[in-house]
C-alpha atoms as a PDB file:
ATOM      1  CA  MET A   1      80.828  37.823 -80.487  1.00  0.00           C
ATOM      2  CA  ARG A   2      78.796  35.524 -78.192  1.00  0.00           C
ATOM      3  CA  HIS A   3      81.421  34.344 -75.773  1.00  0.00           C
ATOM      4  CA  ALA A   4      80.035  32.735 -72.537  1.00  0.00           C
ATOM      5  CA  LYS A   5      76.419  33.438 -73.456  1.00  0.00           C
ATOM      6  CA  SER A   6      74.421  30.268 -72.763  1.00  0.00           C
ATOM      7  CA  ASN A   7      70.931  31.588 -73.502  1.00  0.00           C
ATOM      8  CA  ASN A   8      69.410  30.621 -76.824  1.00  0.00           C
ATOM      9  CA  HIS A   9      68.210  33.546 -78.938  1.00  0.00           C
ATOM     10  CA  LEU A  10      66.306  31.180 -81.276  1.00  0.00           C
ATOM     11  CA  SER A  11      67.480  33.216 -84.296  1.00  0.00           C
ATOM     12  CA  ARG A  12      65.031  36.009 -83.449  1.00  0.00           C
ATOM     13  CA  THR A  13      65.202  39.575 -82.306  1.00  0.00           C
ATOM     14  CA  ALA A  14      64.513  40.503 -78.675  1.00  0.00           C
ATOM     15  CA  SER A  15      61.027  41.855 -79.323  1.00  0.00           C
ATOM     16  CA  HIS A  16      60.063  38.841 -81.450  1.00  0.00           C
ATOM     17  CA  ARG A  17      61.449  36.418 -78.887  1.00  0.00           C
ATOM     18  CA  LYS A  18      59.620  38.065 -75.961  1.00  0.00           C
ATOM     19  CA  ALA A  19      56.320  38.088 -77.826  1.00  0.00           C
ATOM     20  CA  MET A  20      56.715  34.466 -78.878  1.00  0.00           C
ATOM     21  CA  LEU A  21      57.549  33.245 -75.349  1.00  0.00           C
ATOM     22  CA  SER A  22      54.678  35.230 -73.869  1.00  0.00           C
ATOM     23  CA  ASN A  23      52.267  33.699 -76.358  1.00  0.00           C
ATOM     24  CA  MET A  24      53.596  30.159 -75.722  1.00  0.00           C
ATOM     25  CA  ALA A  25      53.388  30.640 -71.949  1.00  0.00           C
ATOM     26  CA  CYS A  26      49.741  31.715 -72.220  1.00  0.00           C
ATOM     27  CA  SER A  27      48.983  28.662 -74.375  1.00  0.00           C
ATOM     28  CA  LEU A  28      50.695  26.350 -71.875  1.00  0.00           C
ATOM     29  CA  ILE A  29      48.761  27.861 -68.965  1.00  0.00           C
ATOM     30  CA  MET A  30      45.412  27.605 -70.745  1.00  0.00           C
ATOM     31  CA  HIS A  31      45.828  24.155 -72.364  1.00  0.00           C
ATOM     32  CA  LYS A  32      48.283  22.577 -69.843  1.00  0.00           C
ATOM     33  CA  ARG A  33      50.340  21.035 -72.685  1.00  0.00           C
ATOM     34  CA  ILE A  34      51.592  22.156 -76.077  1.00  0.00           C
ATOM     35  CA  SER A  35      53.667  20.653 -78.882  1.00  0.00           C
ATOM     36  CA  THR A  36      56.786  22.540 -80.044  1.00  0.00           C
ATOM     37  CA  THR A  37      60.477  22.052 -80.803  1.00  0.00           C
ATOM     38  CA  VAL A  38      62.921  20.972 -78.109  1.00  0.00           C
ATOM     39  CA  ALA A  39      64.885  24.229 -78.352  1.00  0.00           C
ATOM     40  CA  LYS A  40      61.793  26.390 -77.836  1.00  0.00           C
ATOM     41  CA  ALA A  41      60.541  24.139 -75.029  1.00  0.00           C
ATOM     42  CA  LYS A  42      63.786  24.511 -73.067  1.00  0.00           C
ATOM     43  CA  VAL A  43      63.660  28.305 -73.361  1.00  0.00           C
ATOM     44  CA  LEU A  44      59.948  28.316 -72.474  1.00  0.00           C
ATOM     45  CA  ARG A  45      60.618  26.271 -69.341  1.00  0.00           C
ATOM     46  CA  GLU A  46      63.067  28.909 -68.097  1.00  0.00           C
ATOM     47  CA  TYR A  47      60.511  31.601 -68.908  1.00  0.00           C
ATOM     48  CA  VAL A  48      57.316  30.152 -67.400  1.00  0.00           C
ATOM     49  CA  GLU A  49      58.520  28.408 -64.226  1.00  0.00           C
ATOM     50  CA  PRO A  50      59.468  31.648 -62.417  1.00  0.00           C
ATOM     51  CA  LEU A  51      55.980  32.949 -63.199  1.00  0.00           C
ATOM     52  CA  ILE A  52      54.399  29.844 -61.650  1.00  0.00           C
ATOM     53  CA  THR A  53      56.546  30.315 -58.549  1.00  0.00           C
ATOM     54  CA  LYS A  54      55.433  33.933 -58.388  1.00  0.00           C
ATOM     55  CA  SER A  55      51.783  32.878 -58.530  1.00  0.00           C
ATOM     56  CA  LYS A  56      52.076  30.983 -55.220  1.00  0.00           C
ATOM     57  CA  THR A  57      51.798  34.318 -53.375  1.00  0.00           C
ATOM     58  CA  ASP A  58      48.423  35.685 -54.448  1.00  0.00           C
ATOM     59  CA  SER A  59      48.851  39.440 -54.093  1.00  0.00           C
ATOM     60  CA  THR A  60      48.293  42.490 -56.241  1.00  0.00           C
ATOM     61  CA  HIS A  61      52.016  42.942 -56.772  1.00  0.00           C
ATOM     62  CA  SER A  62      52.465  39.333 -57.928  1.00  0.00           C
ATOM     63  CA  ARG A  63      49.547  39.617 -60.343  1.00  0.00           C
ATOM     64  CA  ARG A  64      50.964  42.785 -61.844  1.00  0.00           C
ATOM     65  CA  VAL A  65      54.417  41.262 -62.301  1.00  0.00           C
ATOM     66  CA  VAL A  66      52.944  38.184 -64.026  1.00  0.00           C
ATOM     67  CA  PHE A  67      50.660  40.348 -66.178  1.00  0.00           C
ATOM     68  CA  SER A  68      53.668  42.389 -67.358  1.00  0.00           C
ATOM     69  CA  LYS A  69      55.096  39.146 -68.807  1.00  0.00           C
ATOM     70  CA  LEU A  70      51.960  37.481 -70.176  1.00  0.00           C
ATOM     71  CA  ARG A  71      49.770  40.436 -71.189  1.00  0.00           C
ATOM     72  CA  ASP A  72      46.632  38.308 -70.925  1.00  0.00           C
ATOM     73  CA  LYS A  73      44.064  38.721 -68.132  1.00  0.00           C
ATOM     74  CA  VAL A  74      42.444  35.332 -68.722  1.00  0.00           C
ATOM     75  CA  ALA A  75      45.787  33.502 -68.526  1.00  0.00           C
ATOM     76  CA  VAL A  76      46.720  35.378 -65.338  1.00  0.00           C
ATOM     77  CA  ALA A  77      43.392  34.449 -63.712  1.00  0.00           C
ATOM     78  CA  GLU A  78      43.825  30.791 -64.733  1.00  0.00           C
ATOM     79  CA  LEU A  79      47.360  30.760 -63.339  1.00  0.00           C
ATOM     80  CA  PHE A  80      46.414  32.173 -59.934  1.00  0.00           C
ATOM     81  CA  ARG A  81      43.086  30.336 -59.504  1.00  0.00           C
ATOM     82  CA  THR A  82      43.737  26.861 -60.923  1.00  0.00           C
ATOM     83  CA  ILE A  83      47.439  26.194 -61.299  1.00  0.00           C
ATOM     84  CA  ALA A  84      48.837  27.881 -58.179  1.00  0.00           C
ATOM     85  CA  PRO A  85      46.769  25.856 -55.630  1.00  0.00           C
ATOM     86  CA  LYS A  86      47.688  22.586 -57.337  1.00  0.00           C
ATOM     87  CA  VAL A  87      51.450  23.225 -57.421  1.00  0.00           C
ATOM     88  CA  ALA A  88      51.595  24.843 -53.973  1.00  0.00           C
ATOM     89  CA  GLU A  89      53.478  21.932 -52.380  1.00  0.00           C
ATOM     90  CA  ARG A  90      55.891  21.400 -55.287  1.00  0.00           C
ATOM     91  CA  PRO A  91      59.260  23.176 -54.751  1.00  0.00           C
ATOM     92  CA  GLY A  92      59.998  23.568 -58.468  1.00  0.00           C
ATOM     93  CA  GLY A  93      60.075  21.548 -61.674  1.00  0.00           C
ATOM     94  CA  TYR A  94      56.540  22.366 -62.730  1.00  0.00           C
ATOM     95  CA  THR A  95      56.984  21.331 -66.395  1.00  0.00           C
ATOM     96  CA  ARG A  96      57.945  18.125 -68.184  1.00  0.00           C
ATOM     97  CA  ILE A  97      59.422  17.726 -71.679  1.00  0.00           C
ATOM     98  CA  LEU A  98      58.582  14.540 -73.599  1.00  0.00           C
ATOM     99  CA  LYS A  99      60.363  14.046 -76.914  1.00  0.00           C
ATOM    100  CA  THR A 100      58.180  12.838 -79.790  1.00  0.00           C
ATOM    101  CA  GLY A 101      60.699  12.420 -82.620  1.00  0.00           C
ATOM    102  CA  ASN A 102      61.649  14.500 -85.635  1.00  0.00           C
ATOM    103  CA  ARG A 103      59.391  16.702 -87.715  1.00  0.00           C
ATOM    104  CA  LEU A 104      58.841  15.975 -91.383  1.00  0.00           C
ATOM    105  CA  GLY A 105      60.358  18.562 -93.686  1.00  0.00           C
ATOM    106  CA  ASP A 106      63.162  20.183 -91.675  1.00  0.00           C
ATOM    107  CA  ASN A 107      63.788  17.167 -89.385  1.00  0.00           C
ATOM    108  CA  ALA A 108      63.570  19.317 -86.223  1.00  0.00           C
ATOM    109  CA  ASP A 109      63.448  17.657 -82.804  1.00  0.00           C
ATOM    110  CA  MET A 110      59.839  17.840 -81.621  1.00  0.00           C
ATOM    111  CA  CYS A 111      58.508  17.420 -78.096  1.00  0.00           C
ATOM    112  CA  ILE A 112      55.538  17.971 -75.823  1.00  0.00           C
ATOM    113  CA  ILE A 113      55.928  20.337 -72.866  1.00  0.00           C
ATOM    114  CA  GLU A 114      53.274  19.962 -70.163  1.00  0.00           C
ATOM    115  CA  LEU A 115      52.528  20.818 -66.556  1.00  0.00           C
ATOM    116  CA  VAL A 116      53.479  17.931 -64.278  1.00  0.00           C
ATOM    117  CA  ASP A 117      50.536  18.110 -61.870  1.00  0.00           C
ATOM    118  CA  PHE A 118      47.898  18.131 -64.630  1.00  0.00           C
ATOM    119  CA  ASN A 119      48.892  14.826 -66.263  1.00  0.00           C
ATOM    120  CA  GLU A 120      46.887  12.459 -64.049  1.00  0.00           C
ATOM    121  CA  PHE A 121      47.483   9.342 -66.153  1.00  0.00           C
ATOM    122  CA  TYR A 122      51.275   9.618 -66.018  1.00  0.00           C
ATOM    123  CA  THR A 123      51.384  10.336 -62.274  1.00  0.00           C
ATOM    124  CA  ALA A 124      48.984   7.452 -61.501  1.00  0.00           C
ATOM    125  CA  GLU A 125      51.107   4.968 -63.447  1.00  0.00           C
ATOM    126  CA  THR A 126      54.347   6.079 -61.810  1.00  0.00           C
ATOM    127  CA  THR A 127      52.903   5.788 -58.318  1.00  0.00           C
ATOM    128  CA  THR A 128      51.401   2.321 -58.842  1.00  0.00           C
ATOM    129  CA  THR A 129      54.428   0.752 -60.573  1.00  0.00           C
ATOM    130  CA  ARG A 130      56.414  -1.579 -58.367  1.00  0.00           C
ATOM    131  CA  ARG A 131      60.123  -2.054 -58.679  1.00  0.00           C
ATOM    132  CA  ALA A 132      61.110  -5.614 -59.582  1.00  0.00           C
ATOM    133  CA  THR A 133      63.478  -7.387 -57.211  1.00  0.00           C
ATOM    134  CA  ARG A 134      66.160  -9.895 -58.123  1.00  0.00           C
ATOM    135  CA  ARG A 135      65.099 -12.475 -55.597  1.00  0.00           C
ATOM    136  CA  GLY A 136      64.334 -15.755 -57.312  1.00  0.00           C
ATOM    137  CA  ARG A 137      63.264 -19.231 -56.380  1.00  0.00           C
ATOM    138  CA  ARG A 138      66.758 -20.239 -55.330  1.00  0.00           C
ATOM    139  CA  SER A 139      66.868 -17.711 -52.525  1.00  0.00           C
ATOM    140  CA  ARG A 140      63.506 -18.950 -51.257  1.00  0.00           C
ATOM    141  CA  ALA A 141      64.631 -22.587 -51.413  1.00  0.00           C
ATOM    142  CA  THR A 142      67.955 -21.953 -49.660  1.00  0.00           C
ATOM    143  CA  SER A 143      66.363 -19.972 -46.850  1.00  0.00           C
ATOM    144  CA  THR A 144      66.561 -21.907 -43.559  1.00  0.00           C
ATOM    145  CA  PRO A 145      63.160 -23.140 -42.417  1.00  0.00           C
ATOM    146  CA  THR A 146      62.102 -22.439 -38.871  1.00  0.00           C
ATOM    147  CA  PRO A 147      62.078 -25.478 -36.512  1.00  0.00           C
ATOM    148  CA  ALA A 148      58.672 -26.979 -35.835  1.00  0.00           C
ATOM    149  CA  SER A 149      59.296 -27.353 -32.095  1.00  0.00           C
ATOM    150  CA  THR A 150      59.694 -23.641 -31.513  1.00  0.00           C
ATOM    151  CA  THR A 151      56.347 -22.754 -33.075  1.00  0.00           C
ATOM    152  CA  PRO A 152      53.510 -23.819 -30.761  1.00  0.00           C
ATOM    153  CA  THR A 153      50.620 -25.635 -32.391  1.00  0.00           C
ATOM    154  CA  PRO A 154      47.139 -24.204 -32.068  1.00  0.00           C
ATOM    155  CA  GLU A 155      45.949 -27.399 -30.305  1.00  0.00           C
ATOM    156  CA  ALA A 156      48.478 -26.943 -27.482  1.00  0.00           C
ATOM    157  CA  GLU A 157      47.428 -23.336 -27.113  1.00  0.00           C
ATOM    158  CA  THR A 158      43.774 -24.318 -26.832  1.00  0.00           C
ATOM    159  CA  VAL A 159      44.551 -26.959 -24.202  1.00  0.00           C
ATOM    160  CA  GLU A 160      46.502 -24.483 -22.133  1.00  0.00           C
ATOM    161  CA  THR A 161      43.735 -21.951 -22.288  1.00  0.00           C
ATOM    162  CA  VAL A 162      41.122 -24.510 -21.235  1.00  0.00           C
ATOM    163  CA  GLU A 163      43.222 -25.525 -18.226  1.00  0.00           C
ATOM    164  CA  THR A 164      43.662 -21.960 -17.130  1.00  0.00           C
ATOM    165  CA  VAL A 165      39.941 -21.341 -17.425  1.00  0.00           C
ATOM    166  CA  GLU A 166      39.165 -24.388 -15.275  1.00  0.00           C
ATOM    167  CA  THR A 167      41.610 -23.343 -12.572  1.00  0.00           C
ATOM    168  CA  VAL A 168      40.018 -19.936 -12.493  1.00  0.00           C
ATOM    169  CA  GLU A 169      36.487 -21.348 -12.247  1.00  0.00           C
ATOM    170  CA  GLU A 170      37.213 -23.575  -9.180  1.00  0.00           C
ATOM    171  CA  PRO A 171      37.735 -20.786  -6.613  1.00  0.00           C
ATOM    172  CA  THR A 172      34.768 -18.895  -7.959  1.00  0.00           C
ATOM    173  CA  SER A 173      32.438 -21.905  -7.352  1.00  0.00           C
ATOM    174  CA  GLU A 174      33.708 -22.271  -3.757  1.00  0.00           C
ATOM    175  CA  VAL A 175      33.175 -18.613  -3.080  1.00  0.00           C
ATOM    176  CA  GLU A 176      29.645 -18.805  -4.442  1.00  0.00           C
ATOM    177  CA  ALA A 177      28.847 -21.779  -2.172  1.00  0.00           C
ATOM    178  CA  GLU A 178      30.146 -19.895   0.887  1.00  0.00           C
ATOM    179  CA  VAL A 179      28.094 -16.857  -0.046  1.00  0.00           C
ATOM    180  CA  GLU A 180      24.955 -18.980  -0.351  1.00  0.00           C
ATOM    181  CA  GLU A 181      25.543 -20.552   3.087  1.00  0.00           C
ATOM    182  CA  VAL A 182      25.976 -17.132   4.670  1.00  0.00           C
ATOM    183  CA  GLU A 183      22.758 -15.903   3.044  1.00  0.00           C
ATOM    184  CA  ILE A 184      20.830 -18.960   4.265  1.00  0.00           C
ATOM    185  CA  GLU A 185      22.080 -18.486   7.852  1.00  0.00           C
ATOM    186  CA  ALA A 186      21.147 -14.796   7.747  1.00  0.00           C
ATOM    187  CA  LYS A 187      17.653 -15.623   6.513  1.00  0.00           C
ATOM    188  CA  SER A 188      17.161 -18.268   9.251  1.00  0.00           C
ATOM    189  CA  GLU A 189      18.259 -15.807  11.950  1.00  0.00           C
ATOM    190  CA  GLU A 190      15.834 -13.199  10.639  1.00  0.00           C
ATOM    191  CA  THR A 191      12.934 -15.682  10.711  1.00  0.00           C
ATOM    192  CA  GLU A 192      13.771 -16.711  14.310  1.00  0.00           C
ATOM    193  CA  GLU A 193      13.829 -13.081  15.430  1.00  0.00           C
ATOM    194  CA  VAL A 194      10.459 -12.411  13.771  1.00  0.00           C
ATOM    195  CA  VAL A 195       8.874 -15.441  15.463  1.00  0.00           C
ATOM    196  CA  ALA A 196      10.199 -14.400  18.854  1.00  0.00           C
ATOM    197  CA  GLU A 197       8.805 -10.878  18.472  1.00  0.00           C
ATOM    198  CA  ASN A 198       5.384 -12.282  17.533  1.00  0.00           C
ATOM    199  CA  GLU A 199       5.261 -14.486  20.672  1.00  0.00           C
ATOM    200  CA  ILE A 200       6.175 -11.551  22.908  1.00  0.00           C
ATOM    201  CA  THR A 201       3.423  -9.390  21.426  1.00  0.00           C
ATOM    202  CA  GLU A 202       0.717 -12.112  21.724  1.00  0.00           C
ATOM    203  CA  GLU A 203       1.133 -12.908  25.530  1.00  0.00           C
ATOM    204  CA  PRO A 204      -0.123  -9.600  27.050  1.00  0.00           C
ATOM    205  CA  SER A 205      -2.976  -9.424  24.577  1.00  0.00           C
ATOM    206  CA  SER A 206      -4.530 -12.678  25.955  1.00  0.00           C
ATOM    207  CA  ASP A 207      -4.544 -11.367  29.585  1.00  0.00           C
ATOM    208  CA  ASP A 208      -5.933  -7.924  28.807  1.00  0.00           C
ATOM    209  CA  ASN A 209      -9.037  -9.161  26.958  1.00  0.00           C
ATOM    210  CA  THR A 210     -11.254  -8.964  30.145  1.00  0.00           C
ATOM    211  CA  ASP A 211     -13.543  -5.885  30.152  1.00  0.00           C
ATOM    212  CA  PRO A 212     -14.565  -4.013  33.377  1.00  0.00           C
ATOM    213  CA  GLU A 213     -18.298  -4.566  32.669  1.00  0.00           C
ATOM    214  CA  THR A 214     -17.899  -8.315  32.679  1.00  0.00           C
ATOM    215  CA  GLU A 215     -15.952  -8.112  35.953  1.00  0.00           C
ATOM    216  CA  GLY A 216     -18.876  -6.256  37.618  1.00  0.00           C
ATOM    217  CA  LYS A 217     -21.390  -8.821  36.418  1.00  0.00           C
ATOM    218  CA  THR A 218     -19.390 -11.655  37.862  1.00  0.00           C
ATOM    219  CA  ASP A 219     -19.175  -9.893  41.199  1.00  0.00           C
ATOM    220  CA  VAL A 220     -22.974  -9.407  41.371  1.00  0.00           C
ATOM    221  CA  LYS A 221     -23.669 -13.043  40.733  1.00  0.00           C
ATOM    222  CA  THR A 222     -21.398 -14.129  43.521  1.00  0.00           C
ATOM    223  CA  GLU A 223     -23.198 -11.903  45.983  1.00  0.00           C
END
């Protein structure tokens, strides 16, 4: 009797069930999505997600454990090289089940099971969608408008800025005028000093121009 046994045997023996799940897991890893029944997809999700978690630690032991379940070297290499780096930041929930309706013939519930991080179209749409709000035109109309006096106009701001600029320019012009006066006085003092030095140097030169030969000639004439 199957009391308190929640796992689904899928009406198959243990060996058949293990082989089937291993084959479906390899197909999911290689093709990133497969179509199957809802019952098989739920059992496959419990089977393949622990293997994906195991592939996050790339070691020889992890590869051997995964290979003991899949029995396919190509699928193991694809899992560790391509899938593991892409799902490294995801803490679980690597697969998604999308129901597609009933199958013709036996009317079985069909679905698509896929890897979440490899469906770029679905993830792009979910990230760009924006949640609609219930705010309507009435809420905008009833909102209290801000008083006009509190908001300064741009003209007043420009006038204030111009006044401040003028007040700042006045002391700068006075300072420049004082600096020019000081420079002019310094230049005049320098010119006066240069002229005085030239006069002092020219006076002894005029007295010392007499040569001793000319002095002797003048003395002979007087005799």
